[in-house]
């Protein structure tokens, strides 16, 4: 359930990126951007992203703060890497 929710959010962000020619979301495709290997790092990164969402900042932060993915994040990690690769190839190449 949690994996589906976060995957859906990531997919939505990548689909939104396809609507703009130079979308700043494509920064995740930079070789210097790596997906954190632990939930605490991912949570920190997501909280930073939430800060850029204007009126959606508070709900986004609430979602990230209350998602406890510490035990399952290790299983999710390879799928997040694959989604990043596919999204970058499709929408940011």
N, C-alpha and C. Protein backbone atom coordinates (compact mmCIF):
# COMPACT_ATOMS: atom_id res chain seq x y z
N UNK A 1 0.82 -1.19 0.00
CA UNK A 1 0.00 0.00 0.00
C UNK A 1 0.87 1.26 0.00
N UNK A 2 1.83 1.33 0.91
CA UNK A 2 2.69 2.51 0.98
C UNK A 2 3.54 2.62 -0.28
N UNK A 3 4.03 1.49 -0.76
CA UNK A 3 4.83 1.50 -1.99
C UNK A 3 4.00 2.01 -3.15
N UNK A 4 2.76 1.56 -3.24
CA UNK A 4 1.88 1.98 -4.32
C UNK A 4 1.64 3.48 -4.26
N UNK A 5 1.43 4.00 -3.06
CA UNK A 5 1.19 5.43 -2.90
C UNK A 5 2.40 6.25 -3.34
N UNK A 6 3.57 5.90 -2.85
CA UNK A 6 4.76 6.66 -3.21
C UNK A 6 5.12 6.48 -4.68
N UNK A 7 4.92 5.29 -5.21
CA UNK A 7 5.18 5.06 -6.63
C UNK A 7 4.24 5.89 -7.49
N UNK A 8 2.99 5.98 -7.06
CA UNK A 8 2.01 6.78 -7.80
C UNK A 8 2.39 8.25 -7.79
N UNK A 9 2.87 8.73 -6.63
CA UNK A 9 3.31 10.13 -6.55
C UNK A 9 4.49 10.39 -7.47
N UNK A 10 5.45 9.46 -7.48
CA UNK A 10 6.61 9.62 -8.35
C UNK A 10 6.20 9.57 -9.81
N UNK A 11 5.33 8.64 -10.16
CA UNK A 11 4.87 8.52 -11.54
C UNK A 11 4.11 9.77 -11.96
N UNK A 12 3.27 10.31 -11.07
CA UNK A 12 2.55 11.53 -11.37
C UNK A 12 3.52 12.68 -11.65
N UNK A 13 4.55 12.77 -10.82
CA UNK A 13 5.54 13.83 -11.02
C UNK A 13 6.24 13.68 -12.36
N UNK A 14 6.57 12.45 -12.72
CA UNK A 14 7.25 12.22 -14.00
C UNK A 14 6.32 12.48 -15.18
N UNK A 15 5.05 12.14 -15.04
CA UNK A 15 4.09 12.42 -16.12
C UNK A 15 3.89 13.92 -16.27
N UNK A 16 3.87 14.63 -15.16
CA UNK A 16 3.76 16.09 -15.23
C UNK A 16 4.97 16.68 -15.93
N UNK A 17 6.10 16.03 -15.76
CA UNK A 17 7.32 16.52 -16.40
C UNK A 17 7.23 16.44 -17.92
N UNK A 18 6.43 15.52 -18.42
CA UNK A 18 6.33 15.37 -19.87
C UNK A 18 5.59 16.54 -20.51
N UNK A 19 4.86 17.30 -19.71
CA UNK A 19 4.08 18.41 -20.25
C UNK A 19 4.92 19.66 -20.49
N UNK A 20 6.09 19.72 -19.94
CA UNK A 20 6.94 20.90 -20.10
C UNK A 20 8.26 20.49 -20.72
N UNK A 21 8.74 21.31 -21.65
CA UNK A 21 9.97 20.97 -22.37
C UNK A 21 11.17 20.91 -21.44
N UNK A 22 11.35 21.88 -20.58
CA UNK A 22 12.50 21.93 -19.68
C UNK A 22 12.02 21.90 -18.24
N UNK A 23 11.40 20.84 -17.85
CA UNK A 23 10.86 20.74 -16.51
C UNK A 23 11.96 20.55 -15.48
N UNK A 24 11.90 21.28 -14.39
CA UNK A 24 12.93 21.14 -13.35
C UNK A 24 12.92 19.77 -12.68
N UNK A 25 11.86 18.99 -12.85
CA UNK A 25 11.84 17.65 -12.27
C UNK A 25 12.88 16.74 -12.91
N UNK A 26 13.32 17.10 -14.10
CA UNK A 26 14.33 16.29 -14.78
C UNK A 26 15.69 16.38 -14.10
N UNK A 27 15.81 17.21 -13.09
CA UNK A 27 17.06 17.29 -12.34
C UNK A 27 17.38 15.93 -11.70
N UNK A 28 16.35 15.13 -11.44
CA UNK A 28 16.61 13.81 -10.84
C UNK A 28 17.35 12.90 -11.81
N UNK A 29 17.40 13.28 -13.08
CA UNK A 29 18.10 12.47 -14.08
C UNK A 29 19.59 12.78 -14.14
N UNK A 30 20.01 13.78 -13.42
CA UNK A 30 21.42 14.13 -13.38
C UNK A 30 22.22 13.00 -12.72
N UNK A 31 23.39 12.70 -13.25
CA UNK A 31 24.23 11.66 -12.63
C UNK A 31 24.59 11.98 -11.18
N UNK A 32 24.55 13.25 -10.80
CA UNK A 32 24.89 13.61 -9.42
C UNK A 32 23.73 13.39 -8.46
N UNK A 33 22.53 13.13 -8.99
CA UNK A 33 21.37 12.86 -8.14
C UNK A 33 21.24 11.36 -7.93
N UNK A 34 21.30 10.94 -6.69
CA UNK A 34 21.11 9.52 -6.39
C UNK A 34 19.92 9.37 -5.46
N UNK A 35 19.21 8.30 -5.63
CA UNK A 35 18.09 7.99 -4.74
C UNK A 35 18.67 7.49 -3.43
N UNK A 36 18.26 8.09 -2.32
CA UNK A 36 18.78 7.64 -1.02
C UNK A 36 18.50 6.16 -0.79
N UNK A 37 19.44 5.49 -0.16
CA UNK A 37 19.29 4.05 0.08
C UNK A 37 18.55 3.74 1.37
N UNK A 38 18.30 4.75 2.19
CA UNK A 38 17.56 4.56 3.44
C UNK A 38 16.39 5.53 3.50
N UNK A 39 15.33 5.13 4.20
CA UNK A 39 14.12 5.93 4.28
C UNK A 39 14.39 7.31 4.87
N UNK A 40 15.23 7.43 5.86
CA UNK A 40 15.48 8.74 6.47
C UNK A 40 16.00 9.74 5.43
N UNK A 41 16.88 9.29 4.56
CA UNK A 41 17.39 10.17 3.51
C UNK A 41 16.33 10.51 2.48
N UNK A 42 15.53 9.52 2.12
CA UNK A 42 14.44 9.76 1.16
C UNK A 42 13.41 10.70 1.75
N UNK A 43 13.11 10.51 3.03
CA UNK A 43 12.14 11.37 3.70
C UNK A 43 12.63 12.82 3.72
N UNK A 44 13.89 13.01 3.99
CA UNK A 44 14.47 14.35 4.00
C UNK A 44 14.39 14.99 2.61
N UNK A 45 14.70 14.22 1.59
CA UNK A 45 14.64 14.71 0.21
C UNK A 45 13.21 15.06 -0.19
N UNK A 46 12.26 14.20 0.17
CA UNK A 46 10.86 14.46 -0.14
C UNK A 46 10.34 15.70 0.58
N UNK A 47 10.77 15.90 1.82
CA UNK A 47 10.35 17.09 2.57
C UNK A 47 10.86 18.36 1.89
N UNK A 48 12.05 18.31 1.35
CA UNK A 48 12.58 19.45 0.60
C UNK A 48 11.71 19.72 -0.62
N UNK A 49 11.34 18.66 -1.32
CA UNK A 49 10.46 18.80 -2.48
C UNK A 49 9.10 19.35 -2.12
N UNK A 50 8.56 18.93 -0.98
CA UNK A 50 7.26 19.42 -0.53
C UNK A 50 7.29 20.94 -0.34
N UNK A 51 8.42 21.44 0.09
CA UNK A 51 8.55 22.87 0.32
C UNK A 51 8.37 23.72 -0.92
N UNK A 52 8.43 23.10 -2.08
CA UNK A 52 8.29 23.82 -3.35
C UNK A 52 6.89 23.69 -3.95
N UNK A 53 5.94 23.16 -3.20
CA UNK A 53 4.62 22.88 -3.77
C UNK A 53 3.55 23.92 -3.46
N UNK A 54 3.94 25.04 -2.91
CA UNK A 54 2.96 26.11 -2.66
C UNK A 54 1.86 25.67 -1.72
N UNK A 55 0.61 25.74 -2.19
CA UNK A 55 -0.53 25.42 -1.34
C UNK A 55 -0.58 23.94 -0.95
N UNK A 56 0.11 23.10 -1.68
CA UNK A 56 0.13 21.66 -1.36
C UNK A 56 1.26 21.29 -0.40
N UNK A 57 2.02 22.29 0.06
CA UNK A 57 3.16 22.02 0.93
C UNK A 57 2.76 21.28 2.20
N UNK A 58 1.77 21.78 2.93
CA UNK A 58 1.39 21.17 4.20
C UNK A 58 0.86 19.75 4.06
N UNK A 59 -0.05 19.48 3.11
CA UNK A 59 -0.50 18.09 2.96
C UNK A 59 0.64 17.16 2.54
N UNK A 60 1.52 17.65 1.69
CA UNK A 60 2.65 16.84 1.25
C UNK A 60 3.56 16.51 2.42
N UNK A 61 3.89 17.52 3.23
CA UNK A 61 4.74 17.29 4.39
C UNK A 61 4.07 16.33 5.37
N UNK A 62 2.76 16.47 5.57
CA UNK A 62 2.04 15.57 6.46
C UNK A 62 2.10 14.13 5.98
N UNK A 63 1.97 13.95 4.68
CA UNK A 63 2.04 12.61 4.11
C UNK A 63 3.41 12.00 4.32
N UNK A 64 4.45 12.77 4.05
CA UNK A 64 5.82 12.27 4.17
C UNK A 64 6.17 12.00 5.63
N UNK A 65 5.78 12.91 6.54
CA UNK A 65 6.09 12.74 7.96
C UNK A 65 5.42 11.50 8.53
N UNK A 66 4.22 11.20 8.08
CA UNK A 66 3.46 10.10 8.65
C UNK A 66 3.66 8.77 7.95
N UNK A 67 4.38 8.77 6.87
CA UNK A 67 4.69 7.51 6.18
C UNK A 67 5.87 6.86 6.90
N UNK A 68 5.66 5.70 7.47
CA UNK A 68 6.74 5.00 8.16
C UNK A 68 7.21 3.86 7.26
N UNK A 69 8.19 4.15 6.44
CA UNK A 69 8.68 3.17 5.47
C UNK A 69 10.05 2.62 5.86
N UNK A 70 10.43 2.81 7.11
CA UNK A 70 11.75 2.38 7.55
C UNK A 70 12.01 0.91 7.24
N UNK A 71 11.06 0.05 7.55
CA UNK A 71 11.28 -1.39 7.35
C UNK A 71 11.10 -1.84 5.91
N UNK A 72 10.27 -1.15 5.13
CA UNK A 72 9.99 -1.61 3.77
C UNK A 72 10.80 -0.88 2.69
N UNK A 73 11.46 0.20 3.04
CA UNK A 73 12.16 1.01 2.04
C UNK A 73 13.24 0.22 1.31
N UNK A 74 13.93 -0.64 2.03
CA UNK A 74 14.97 -1.46 1.39
C UNK A 74 14.41 -2.31 0.26
N UNK A 75 13.19 -2.81 0.43
CA UNK A 75 12.55 -3.59 -0.62
C UNK A 75 12.06 -2.71 -1.77
N UNK A 76 11.73 -1.47 -1.46
CA UNK A 76 11.24 -0.54 -2.46
C UNK A 76 12.37 0.05 -3.31
N UNK A 77 13.53 0.16 -2.73
CA UNK A 77 14.65 0.86 -3.36
C UNK A 77 14.94 0.43 -4.80
N UNK A 78 15.08 -0.87 -5.09
CA UNK A 78 15.38 -1.25 -6.48
C UNK A 78 14.29 -0.82 -7.46
N UNK A 79 13.04 -0.81 -7.00
CA UNK A 79 11.94 -0.41 -7.87
C UNK A 79 11.96 1.10 -8.11
N UNK A 80 12.35 1.86 -7.10
CA UNK A 80 12.48 3.31 -7.27
C UNK A 80 13.57 3.64 -8.28
N UNK A 81 14.67 2.90 -8.22
CA UNK A 81 15.76 3.12 -9.18
C UNK A 81 15.28 2.81 -10.59
N UNK A 82 14.54 1.72 -10.75
CA UNK A 82 14.02 1.36 -12.07
C UNK A 82 13.04 2.41 -12.58
N UNK A 83 12.14 2.89 -11.70
CA UNK A 83 11.20 3.94 -12.11
C UNK A 83 11.93 5.20 -12.53
N UNK A 84 12.98 5.55 -11.80
CA UNK A 84 13.78 6.73 -12.16
C UNK A 84 14.38 6.55 -13.55
N UNK A 85 14.96 5.40 -13.81
CA UNK A 85 15.59 5.15 -15.11
C UNK A 85 14.57 5.21 -16.23
N UNK A 86 13.43 4.58 -16.04
CA UNK A 86 12.39 4.58 -17.07
C UNK A 86 11.83 5.98 -17.30
N UNK A 87 11.55 6.70 -16.21
CA UNK A 87 11.01 8.05 -16.33
C UNK A 87 11.98 9.01 -17.01
N UNK A 88 13.25 8.91 -16.65
CA UNK A 88 14.24 9.80 -17.27
C UNK A 88 14.39 9.50 -18.75
N UNK A 89 14.37 8.22 -19.09
CA UNK A 89 14.51 7.84 -20.50
C UNK A 89 13.31 8.33 -21.31
N UNK A 90 12.12 8.22 -20.74
CA UNK A 90 10.89 8.56 -21.45
C UNK A 90 10.63 10.07 -21.51
N UNK A 91 10.82 10.77 -20.39
CA UNK A 91 10.36 12.15 -20.29
C UNK A 91 11.47 13.20 -20.28
N UNK A 92 12.70 12.81 -20.05
CA UNK A 92 13.74 13.82 -19.88
C UNK A 92 14.94 13.60 -20.80
N UNK A 93 14.84 12.67 -21.71
CA UNK A 93 15.98 12.39 -22.61
C UNK A 93 16.03 13.39 -23.75
